[in-house]
Amino acid sequence: MNFEKQFVLDNSTAVPLSAQLSTRATVLTVGFANQWILDKGLVVGVDWLVLSVNVSESHEFRVLPNTTNLSASELSRYDSDIQEGADLLNDLSGLPGILILTVGWAF
């Protein structure tokens, strides 16, 4: 995924910066559900409650080469902003769920 941000420098100048971001999360999930197989293979399922927790998380990012005008402290702040974005994506993958409907076909 490409991560793009308007990065504001210390002198209030906005610089558009981007990075390639890849996140991975291993999620342990336990749920309570029902599943029905109807005539001719139609499958309907309802997950009443799904509890999830992230077991492991990782991320990789590569800043695209448009950071030449940034000082070392500004580049460090930009890297921490990307870190926060990666952490948010990994945290979203471990959110619990309520009333998840699935429809499929069994053959």
Protein backbone atom coordinates (compact mmCIF):
# COMPACT_ATOMS: atom_id res chain seq x y z
CA MET A 1 0.00 0.00 0.00
CA ASN A 2 1.19 3.49 -0.71
CA PHE A 3 1.16 5.82 2.29
CA GLU A 4 0.85 9.49 1.37
CA LYS A 5 0.82 12.44 3.72
CA GLN A 6 1.04 16.20 3.67
CA PHE A 7 4.00 16.61 6.01
CA VAL A 8 4.21 20.03 7.69
CA LEU A 9 7.73 21.25 8.32
CA ASP A 10 8.69 23.36 11.34
CA ASN A 11 8.26 26.56 9.32
CA SER A 12 4.62 25.62 8.44
CA THR A 13 5.47 24.63 4.86
CA ALA A 14 3.57 21.54 3.67
CA VAL A 15 5.55 18.95 1.73
CA PRO A 16 3.76 15.98 0.09
CA LEU A 17 5.65 12.80 1.01
CA SER A 18 4.92 9.16 0.28
CA ALA A 19 6.16 5.73 1.29
CA GLN A 20 5.43 2.13 0.40
CA LEU A 21 3.95 0.46 3.47
CA SER A 22 3.44 -3.25 4.09
CA THR A 23 1.92 -4.57 7.33
CA ARG A 24 1.41 -8.10 8.63
CA ALA A 25 -0.58 -9.30 11.61
CA THR A 26 -1.23 -12.79 12.92
CA VAL A 27 -4.66 -12.76 14.55
CA LEU A 28 -6.04 -15.38 16.94
CA THR A 29 -9.82 -15.51 16.56
CA VAL A 30 -12.51 -17.30 18.56
CA GLY A 31 -16.15 -16.98 17.60
CA PHE A 32 -19.66 -18.17 18.28
CA ALA A 33 -21.64 -18.81 15.11
CA ASN A 34 -24.30 -20.74 13.28
CA GLN A 35 -24.18 -22.04 9.73
CA TRP A 36 -27.01 -23.40 7.62
CA ILE A 37 -26.71 -25.32 4.35
CA LEU A 38 -29.91 -24.96 2.38
CA ASP A 39 -31.15 -26.92 -0.63
CA LYS A 40 -28.98 -26.83 -3.73
CA GLY A 41 -25.88 -25.82 -1.74
CA LEU A 42 -26.67 -22.30 -0.55
CA VAL A 43 -24.76 -21.64 2.70
CA VAL A 44 -25.81 -18.92 5.15
CA GLY A 45 -23.79 -18.19 8.26
CA VAL A 46 -24.05 -15.74 11.14
CA ASP A 47 -21.13 -15.08 13.46
CA TRP A 48 -22.80 -13.79 16.61
CA LEU A 49 -19.61 -12.77 18.39
CA VAL A 50 -16.01 -12.88 17.17
CA LEU A 51 -13.20 -12.14 19.63
CA SER A 52 -9.78 -11.44 18.16
CA VAL A 53 -6.33 -10.59 19.47
CA ASN A 54 -3.16 -9.82 17.54
CA VAL A 55 -0.53 -12.45 18.31
CA SER A 56 2.23 -10.83 16.27
CA GLU A 57 2.58 -7.70 14.21
CA SER A 58 5.19 -6.44 11.79
CA HIS A 59 5.56 -3.75 9.21
CA GLU A 60 7.99 -2.64 6.57
CA PHE A 61 8.15 0.71 4.87
CA ARG A 62 10.35 2.37 2.33
CA VAL A 63 10.28 6.12 2.01
CA LEU A 64 10.11 7.12 -1.63
CA PRO A 65 12.96 9.40 -2.73
CA ASN A 66 11.32 12.78 -2.20
CA THR A 67 12.76 13.60 1.25
CA THR A 68 15.82 15.55 0.13
CA ASN A 69 14.60 18.82 1.69
CA LEU A 70 14.02 17.30 5.15
CA SER A 71 16.38 17.64 8.07
CA ALA A 72 17.29 14.59 10.16
CA SER A 73 14.76 15.50 12.89
CA GLU A 74 11.98 16.04 10.32
CA LEU A 75 12.76 12.72 8.66
CA SER A 76 12.67 11.00 12.06
CA ARG A 77 9.28 12.60 12.77
CA TYR A 78 8.01 11.45 9.36
CA ASP A 79 9.20 7.90 10.08
CA SER A 80 7.34 7.94 13.40
CA ASP A 81 4.17 9.09 11.58
CA ILE A 82 4.46 6.11 9.23
CA GLN A 83 5.02 3.87 12.29
CA GLU A 84 1.76 5.17 13.80
CA GLY A 85 -0.09 4.47 10.53
CA ALA A 86 1.26 0.90 10.42
CA ASP A 87 0.31 0.32 14.06
CA LEU A 88 -3.23 1.57 13.36
CA LEU A 89 -3.65 -0.82 10.40
CA ASN A 90 -2.42 -3.76 12.49
CA ASP A 91 -4.72 -2.81 15.39
CA LEU A 92 -7.72 -2.66 13.04
CA SER A 93 -7.06 -6.25 11.94
CA GLY A 94 -7.57 -7.47 15.51
CA LEU A 95 -10.90 -5.78 16.19
CA PRO A 96 -13.75 -7.97 17.47
CA GLY A 97 -16.91 -8.46 15.42
CA ILE A 98 -20.63 -8.76 16.09
CA LEU A 99 -23.30 -10.15 13.73
CA ILE A 100 -21.16 -11.00 10.71
CA LEU A 101 -23.28 -12.43 7.89
CA THR A 102 -21.75 -14.78 5.32
CA VAL A 103 -23.39 -16.20 2.24
CA GLY A 104 -21.76 -18.84 0.07
CA TRP A 105 -22.19 -21.89 -2.09
CA ALA A 106 -21.26 -25.45 -1.20
CA PHE A 107 -20.65 -27.98 -3.94
